[in-house]
Amino acid sequence: MDVVFIQELKVDTVIGVRDWERRVRQTLVLDLELGCDAAAAAATDAVDDAVDYDAVRRHVAEWVANAGCQLVEGVAEGVATELQRAFGVPWLRIRVAKPGAVPGARAVGVSITRGEESR
């Protein structure tokens, strides 16, 4: 399986469980890996035969910006569900980081994998 990836996609959203967090927008950083078969796109050099990473970026950014989740786990699961539904990818890995959430750490977050990875 081939993988299309997007690293460090930054999206501002409302995220968190504390009252003050529900009143401000914070930046989440997402890393996306999407399983695909890149052979057709490589052969034709046509975006219609590829996983369009700009379309993925726009879809994820809009969903995350408007999701209003309390937990990064909810963001990760929602993004995974959206990407599998909208782009039909059979396998994906999503990493959602919340920078500055814990003193002394650059970021905290979660990484999830969904679907079947075939070789």
N, C-alpha and C. Protein backbone atom coordinates (compact mmCIF):
# COMPACT_ATOMS: atom_id res chain seq x y z
N MET A 1 0.85 -1.18 0.00
CA MET A 1 0.00 0.00 0.00
C MET A 1 0.89 1.23 0.00
N ASP A 2 0.51 2.19 -0.80
CA ASP A 2 1.20 3.47 -0.85
C ASP A 2 0.54 4.41 0.16
N VAL A 3 1.21 5.48 0.47
CA VAL A 3 0.70 6.42 1.47
C VAL A 3 0.87 7.86 0.97
N VAL A 4 -0.22 8.60 1.00
CA VAL A 4 -0.19 10.05 0.79
C VAL A 4 -0.21 10.66 2.18
N PHE A 5 0.66 11.65 2.42
CA PHE A 5 0.69 12.23 3.76
C PHE A 5 0.65 13.75 3.72
N ILE A 6 0.14 14.30 4.80
CA ILE A 6 0.16 15.74 5.05
C ILE A 6 0.72 15.90 6.45
N GLN A 7 1.79 16.67 6.58
CA GLN A 7 2.42 16.87 7.88
C GLN A 7 2.14 18.27 8.42
N GLU A 8 1.89 18.33 9.71
CA GLU A 8 1.77 19.58 10.46
C GLU A 8 0.72 20.53 9.89
N LEU A 9 -0.45 19.99 9.60
CA LEU A 9 -1.58 20.82 9.18
C LEU A 9 -2.11 21.53 10.42
N LYS A 10 -2.06 22.84 10.42
CA LYS A 10 -2.49 23.64 11.57
C LYS A 10 -3.91 24.14 11.35
N VAL A 11 -4.77 23.91 12.35
CA VAL A 11 -6.17 24.31 12.26
C VAL A 11 -6.58 24.92 13.60
N ASP A 12 -7.18 26.11 13.55
CA ASP A 12 -7.72 26.75 14.75
C ASP A 12 -9.14 26.26 14.98
N THR A 13 -9.43 25.91 16.25
CA THR A 13 -10.73 25.39 16.60
C THR A 13 -11.00 25.60 18.07
N VAL A 14 -12.22 25.34 18.48
CA VAL A 14 -12.55 25.30 19.91
C VAL A 14 -12.32 23.86 20.36
N ILE A 15 -11.44 23.69 21.35
CA ILE A 15 -11.09 22.36 21.84
C ILE A 15 -10.79 22.45 23.33
N GLY A 16 -11.28 21.51 24.09
CA GLY A 16 -10.95 21.48 25.50
C GLY A 16 -12.17 21.26 26.37
N VAL A 17 -11.91 20.93 27.64
CA VAL A 17 -12.98 20.64 28.58
C VAL A 17 -13.20 21.76 29.60
N ARG A 18 -12.26 22.64 29.73
CA ARG A 18 -12.39 23.73 30.71
C ARG A 18 -13.20 24.88 30.13
N ASP A 19 -13.87 25.60 31.00
CA ASP A 19 -14.72 26.72 30.55
C ASP A 19 -13.95 27.71 29.70
N TRP A 20 -12.75 28.08 30.13
CA TRP A 20 -11.99 29.08 29.37
C TRP A 20 -11.63 28.55 27.98
N GLU A 21 -11.42 27.23 27.86
CA GLU A 21 -11.09 26.65 26.56
C GLU A 21 -12.26 26.72 25.59
N ARG A 22 -13.46 26.72 26.11
CA ARG A 22 -14.65 26.76 25.26
C ARG A 22 -14.92 28.17 24.74
N ARG A 23 -14.18 29.16 25.27
CA ARG A 23 -14.37 30.56 24.86
C ARG A 23 -13.30 31.06 23.90
N VAL A 24 -12.28 30.27 23.63
CA VAL A 24 -11.18 30.70 22.76
C VAL A 24 -10.93 29.65 21.68
N ARG A 25 -10.24 30.08 20.64
CA ARG A 25 -9.82 29.14 19.60
C ARG A 25 -8.36 28.79 19.86
N GLN A 26 -8.05 27.52 19.72
CA GLN A 26 -6.69 27.04 19.89
C GLN A 26 -6.25 26.33 18.62
N THR A 27 -4.95 26.24 18.44
CA THR A 27 -4.41 25.58 17.25
C THR A 27 -4.12 24.12 17.53
N LEU A 28 -4.65 23.25 16.68
CA LEU A 28 -4.29 21.84 16.67
C LEU A 28 -3.36 21.60 15.49
N VAL A 29 -2.48 20.64 15.63
CA VAL A 29 -1.56 20.27 14.55
C VAL A 29 -1.83 18.81 14.20
N LEU A 30 -2.15 18.57 12.93
CA LEU A 30 -2.50 17.22 12.48
C LEU A 30 -1.48 16.69 11.49
N ASP A 31 -1.15 15.42 11.66
CA ASP A 31 -0.38 14.67 10.67
C ASP A 31 -1.32 13.60 10.13
N LEU A 32 -1.41 13.50 8.82
CA LEU A 32 -2.32 12.56 8.17
C LEU A 32 -1.52 11.62 7.27
N GLU A 33 -1.81 10.34 7.35
CA GLU A 33 -1.29 9.35 6.42
C GLU A 33 -2.48 8.59 5.86
N LEU A 34 -2.61 8.59 4.54
CA LEU A 34 -3.76 7.98 3.88
C LEU A 34 -3.29 6.88 2.94
N GLY A 35 -3.74 5.67 3.20
CA GLY A 35 -3.39 4.55 2.35
C GLY A 35 -4.06 4.66 0.98
N CYS A 36 -3.31 4.31 -0.04
CA CYS A 36 -3.85 4.39 -1.40
C CYS A 36 -3.01 3.51 -2.33
N ASP A 37 -3.44 3.43 -3.57
CA ASP A 37 -2.65 2.80 -4.61
C ASP A 37 -2.25 3.93 -5.55
N ALA A 38 -1.00 4.34 -5.47
CA ALA A 38 -0.53 5.50 -6.25
C ALA A 38 -0.13 5.14 -7.67
N ALA A 39 -0.24 3.88 -8.06
CA ALA A 39 0.22 3.45 -9.37
C ALA A 39 -0.52 4.15 -10.52
N ALA A 40 -1.83 4.26 -10.42
CA ALA A 40 -2.59 4.91 -11.49
C ALA A 40 -2.21 6.38 -11.64
N ALA A 41 -2.09 7.07 -10.52
CA ALA A 41 -1.70 8.48 -10.57
C ALA A 41 -0.29 8.64 -11.13
N ALA A 42 0.60 7.72 -10.77
CA ALA A 42 1.96 7.77 -11.29
C ALA A 42 1.98 7.54 -12.80
N ALA A 43 1.13 6.63 -13.27
CA ALA A 43 1.10 6.31 -14.70
C ALA A 43 0.48 7.42 -15.53
N THR A 44 -0.58 8.06 -15.01
CA THR A 44 -1.29 9.07 -15.80
C THR A 44 -0.85 10.49 -15.49
N ASP A 45 -0.25 10.70 -14.32
CA ASP A 45 0.15 12.03 -13.86
C ASP A 45 -1.06 12.96 -13.78
N ALA A 46 -2.22 12.37 -13.44
CA ALA A 46 -3.47 13.13 -13.36
C ALA A 46 -3.99 13.13 -11.93
N VAL A 47 -4.36 14.31 -11.47
CA VAL A 47 -4.86 14.44 -10.09
C VAL A 47 -6.15 13.65 -9.88
N ASP A 48 -6.91 13.44 -10.92
CA ASP A 48 -8.15 12.65 -10.80
C ASP A 48 -7.88 11.20 -10.42
N ASP A 49 -6.66 10.73 -10.67
CA ASP A 49 -6.28 9.36 -10.32
C ASP A 49 -5.55 9.28 -8.99
N ALA A 50 -5.45 10.41 -8.29
CA ALA A 50 -4.69 10.48 -7.04
C ALA A 50 -5.61 10.83 -5.88
N VAL A 51 -5.10 10.64 -4.66
CA VAL A 51 -5.75 11.22 -3.50
C VAL A 51 -5.34 12.69 -3.51
N ASP A 52 -6.29 13.57 -3.76
CA ASP A 52 -6.02 15.00 -3.89
C ASP A 52 -5.75 15.60 -2.51
N TYR A 53 -4.48 15.78 -2.19
CA TYR A 53 -4.14 16.22 -0.84
C TYR A 53 -4.61 17.63 -0.54
N ASP A 54 -4.80 18.47 -1.55
CA ASP A 54 -5.37 19.79 -1.28
C ASP A 54 -6.84 19.69 -0.92
N ALA A 55 -7.57 18.80 -1.59
CA ALA A 55 -8.97 18.56 -1.23
C ALA A 55 -9.06 17.96 0.17
N VAL A 56 -8.14 17.05 0.50
CA VAL A 56 -8.10 16.47 1.84
C VAL A 56 -7.84 17.58 2.86
N ARG A 57 -6.86 18.42 2.60
CA ARG A 57 -6.53 19.52 3.50
C ARG A 57 -7.73 20.41 3.76
N ARG A 58 -8.40 20.82 2.70
CA ARG A 58 -9.57 21.70 2.85
C ARG A 58 -10.67 21.01 3.65
N HIS A 59 -10.94 19.76 3.36
CA HIS A 59 -12.00 19.01 4.03
C HIS A 59 -11.70 18.88 5.53
N VAL A 60 -10.47 18.49 5.85
CA VAL A 60 -10.08 18.33 7.25
C VAL A 60 -10.10 19.66 7.98
N ALA A 61 -9.54 20.70 7.37
CA ALA A 61 -9.50 22.01 8.02
C ALA A 61 -10.90 22.53 8.32
N GLU A 62 -11.83 22.37 7.39
CA GLU A 62 -13.20 22.83 7.62
C GLU A 62 -13.87 22.00 8.72
N TRP A 63 -13.69 20.69 8.67
CA TRP A 63 -14.34 19.84 9.68
C TRP A 63 -13.81 20.16 11.08
N VAL A 64 -12.49 20.22 11.23
CA VAL A 64 -11.89 20.47 12.54
C VAL A 64 -12.26 21.85 13.05
N ALA A 65 -12.22 22.85 12.18
CA ALA A 65 -12.54 24.21 12.60
C ALA A 65 -13.94 24.34 13.17
N ASN A 66 -14.85 23.50 12.69
CA ASN A 66 -16.26 23.60 13.11
C ASN A 66 -16.72 22.49 14.04
N ALA A 67 -15.86 21.55 14.38
CA ALA A 67 -16.29 20.36 15.14
C ALA A 67 -16.68 20.69 16.57
N GLY A 68 -15.92 21.54 17.24
CA GLY A 68 -16.23 21.88 18.62
C GLY A 68 -16.04 20.73 19.60
N CYS A 69 -15.16 19.79 19.29
CA CYS A 69 -14.91 18.65 20.19
C CYS A 69 -14.26 19.11 21.48
N GLN A 70 -14.47 18.35 22.54
CA GLN A 70 -13.79 18.62 23.80
C GLN A 70 -12.41 17.95 23.84
N LEU A 71 -12.30 16.78 23.25
CA LEU A 71 -11.08 15.98 23.34
C LEU A 71 -10.41 15.80 21.99
N VAL A 72 -9.08 15.69 22.01
CA VAL A 72 -8.36 15.42 20.76
C VAL A 72 -8.74 14.05 20.21
N GLU A 73 -9.14 13.13 21.09
CA GLU A 73 -9.59 11.81 20.62
C GLU A 73 -10.81 11.94 19.71
N GLY A 74 -11.73 12.84 20.06
CA GLY A 74 -12.91 13.08 19.24
C GLY A 74 -12.55 13.69 17.90
N VAL A 75 -11.57 14.59 17.91
CA VAL A 75 -11.11 15.18 16.65
C VAL A 75 -10.51 14.10 15.76
N ALA A 76 -9.64 13.28 16.31
CA ALA A 76 -8.98 12.23 15.53
C ALA A 76 -10.00 11.26 14.93
N GLU A 77 -10.94 10.81 15.75
CA GLU A 77 -11.94 9.86 15.26
C GLU A 77 -12.84 10.51 14.20
N GLY A 78 -13.23 11.75 14.43
CA GLY A 78 -14.07 12.45 13.46
C GLY A 78 -13.36 12.66 12.13
N VAL A 79 -12.10 13.03 12.17
CA VAL A 79 -11.32 13.21 10.94
C VAL A 79 -11.18 11.88 10.21
N ALA A 80 -10.90 10.82 10.95
CA ALA A 80 -10.77 9.50 10.32
C ALA A 80 -12.06 9.09 9.62
N THR A 81 -13.17 9.26 10.31
CA THR A 81 -14.47 8.91 9.73
C THR A 81 -14.76 9.74 8.49
N GLU A 82 -14.51 11.03 8.58
CA GLU A 82 -14.74 11.92 7.44
C GLU A 82 -13.89 11.55 6.23
N LEU A 83 -12.61 11.26 6.46
CA LEU A 83 -11.72 10.95 5.34
C LEU A 83 -12.06 9.62 4.69
N GLN A 84 -12.43 8.64 5.50
CA GLN A 84 -12.82 7.36 4.90
C GLN A 84 -14.12 7.51 4.11
N ARG A 85 -15.04 8.31 4.63
CA ARG A 85 -16.31 8.52 3.93
C ARG A 85 -16.12 9.33 2.64
N ALA A 86 -15.42 10.44 2.74
CA ALA A 86 -15.32 11.37 1.61
C ALA A 86 -14.32 10.94 0.55
N PHE A 87 -13.25 10.25 0.95
CA PHE A 87 -12.18 9.93 0.01
C PHE A 87 -11.99 8.44 -0.22
N GLY A 88 -12.73 7.62 0.51
CA GLY A 88 -12.69 6.18 0.30
C GLY A 88 -11.35 5.52 0.55
N VAL A 89 -10.54 6.09 1.42
CA VAL A 89 -9.24 5.48 1.70
C VAL A 89 -9.43 4.26 2.59
N PRO A 90 -8.76 3.16 2.26
CA PRO A 90 -8.97 1.91 3.01
C PRO A 90 -8.26 1.88 4.36
N TRP A 91 -7.24 2.73 4.52
CA TRP A 91 -6.42 2.74 5.73
C TRP A 91 -5.93 4.17 5.96
N LEU A 92 -5.85 4.55 7.23
CA LEU A 92 -5.30 5.86 7.55
C LEU A 92 -4.76 5.91 8.95
N ARG A 93 -3.85 6.84 9.15
CA ARG A 93 -3.32 7.12 10.49
C ARG A 93 -3.43 8.63 10.68
N ILE A 94 -4.00 9.02 11.81
CA ILE A 94 -4.20 10.42 12.13
C ILE A 94 -3.50 10.71 13.45
N ARG A 95 -2.71 11.76 13.48
CA ARG A 95 -2.08 12.23 14.71
C ARG A 95 -2.58 13.64 14.96
N VAL A 96 -3.15 13.87 16.13
CA VAL A 96 -3.65 15.20 16.51
C VAL A 96 -2.86 15.66 17.72
N ALA A 97 -2.19 16.79 17.60
CA ALA A 97 -1.40 17.35 18.69
C ALA A 97 -2.01 18.68 19.12
N LYS A 98 -1.97 18.90 20.43
CA LYS A 98 -2.44 20.15 21.03
C LYS A 98 -1.24 20.83 21.68
N PRO A 99 -0.60 21.74 20.96
CA PRO A 99 0.60 22.40 21.48
C PRO A 99 0.30 23.23 22.73
N GLY A 100 1.25 23.19 23.67
CA GLY A 100 1.16 24.03 24.85
C GLY A 100 0.12 23.62 25.87
N ALA A 101 -0.49 22.47 25.73
CA ALA A 101 -1.56 22.06 26.64
C ALA A 101 -1.05 21.66 28.02
N VAL A 102 0.18 21.19 28.07
CA VAL A 102 0.76 20.72 29.32
C VAL A 102 2.08 21.47 29.54
N PRO A 103 2.24 22.12 30.68
CA PRO A 103 3.50 22.81 30.96
C PRO A 103 4.69 21.86 30.86
N GLY A 104 5.74 22.33 30.21
CA GLY A 104 6.94 21.54 30.06
C GLY A 104 6.96 20.61 28.86
N ALA A 105 5.85 20.51 28.15
CA ALA A 105 5.79 19.66 26.96
C ALA A 105 5.46 20.52 25.74
N ARG A 106 6.05 20.20 24.62
CA ARG A 106 5.74 20.93 23.39
C ARG A 106 4.29 20.72 22.98
N ALA A 107 3.81 19.49 23.14
CA ALA A 107 2.44 19.18 22.74
C ALA A 107 2.00 17.87 23.40
N VAL A 108 0.70 17.68 23.45
CA VAL A 108 0.09 16.41 23.83
C VAL A 108 -0.87 16.03 22.72
N GLY A 109 -1.28 14.79 22.68
CA GLY A 109 -2.22 14.42 21.63
C GLY A 109 -2.48 12.94 21.56
N VAL A 110 -2.96 12.53 20.41
CA VAL A 110 -3.32 11.13 20.19
C VAL A 110 -3.03 10.77 18.74
N SER A 111 -2.71 9.52 18.53
CA SER A 111 -2.53 8.98 17.18
C SER A 111 -3.43 7.76 17.06
N ILE A 112 -4.23 7.71 16.00
CA ILE A 112 -5.09 6.56 15.77
C ILE A 112 -4.86 6.00 14.36
N THR A 113 -5.13 4.73 14.22
CA THR A 113 -5.06 4.05 12.93
C THR A 113 -6.39 3.38 12.69
N ARG A 114 -6.93 3.53 11.51
CA ARG A 114 -8.21 2.91 11.16
C ARG A 114 -8.09 2.24 9.80
N GLY A 115 -8.82 1.13 9.64
CA GLY A 115 -8.88 0.44 8.36
C GLY A 115 -7.84 -0.66 8.24
N GLU A 116 -7.82 -1.26 7.07
CA GLU A 116 -6.96 -2.39 6.77
C GLU A 116 -5.77 -1.93 5.95
N GLU A 117 -4.57 -2.22 6.46
CA GLU A 117 -3.36 -1.90 5.72
C GLU A 117 -2.91 -3.17 5.00
N SER A 118 -2.93 -3.13 3.68
CA SER A 118 -2.46 -4.29 2.91
C SER A 118 -1.13 -3.97 2.28
N ARG A 119 -0.36 -4.97 2.09
CA ARG A 119 0.99 -4.80 1.52
C ARG A 119 1.02 -5.31 0.11
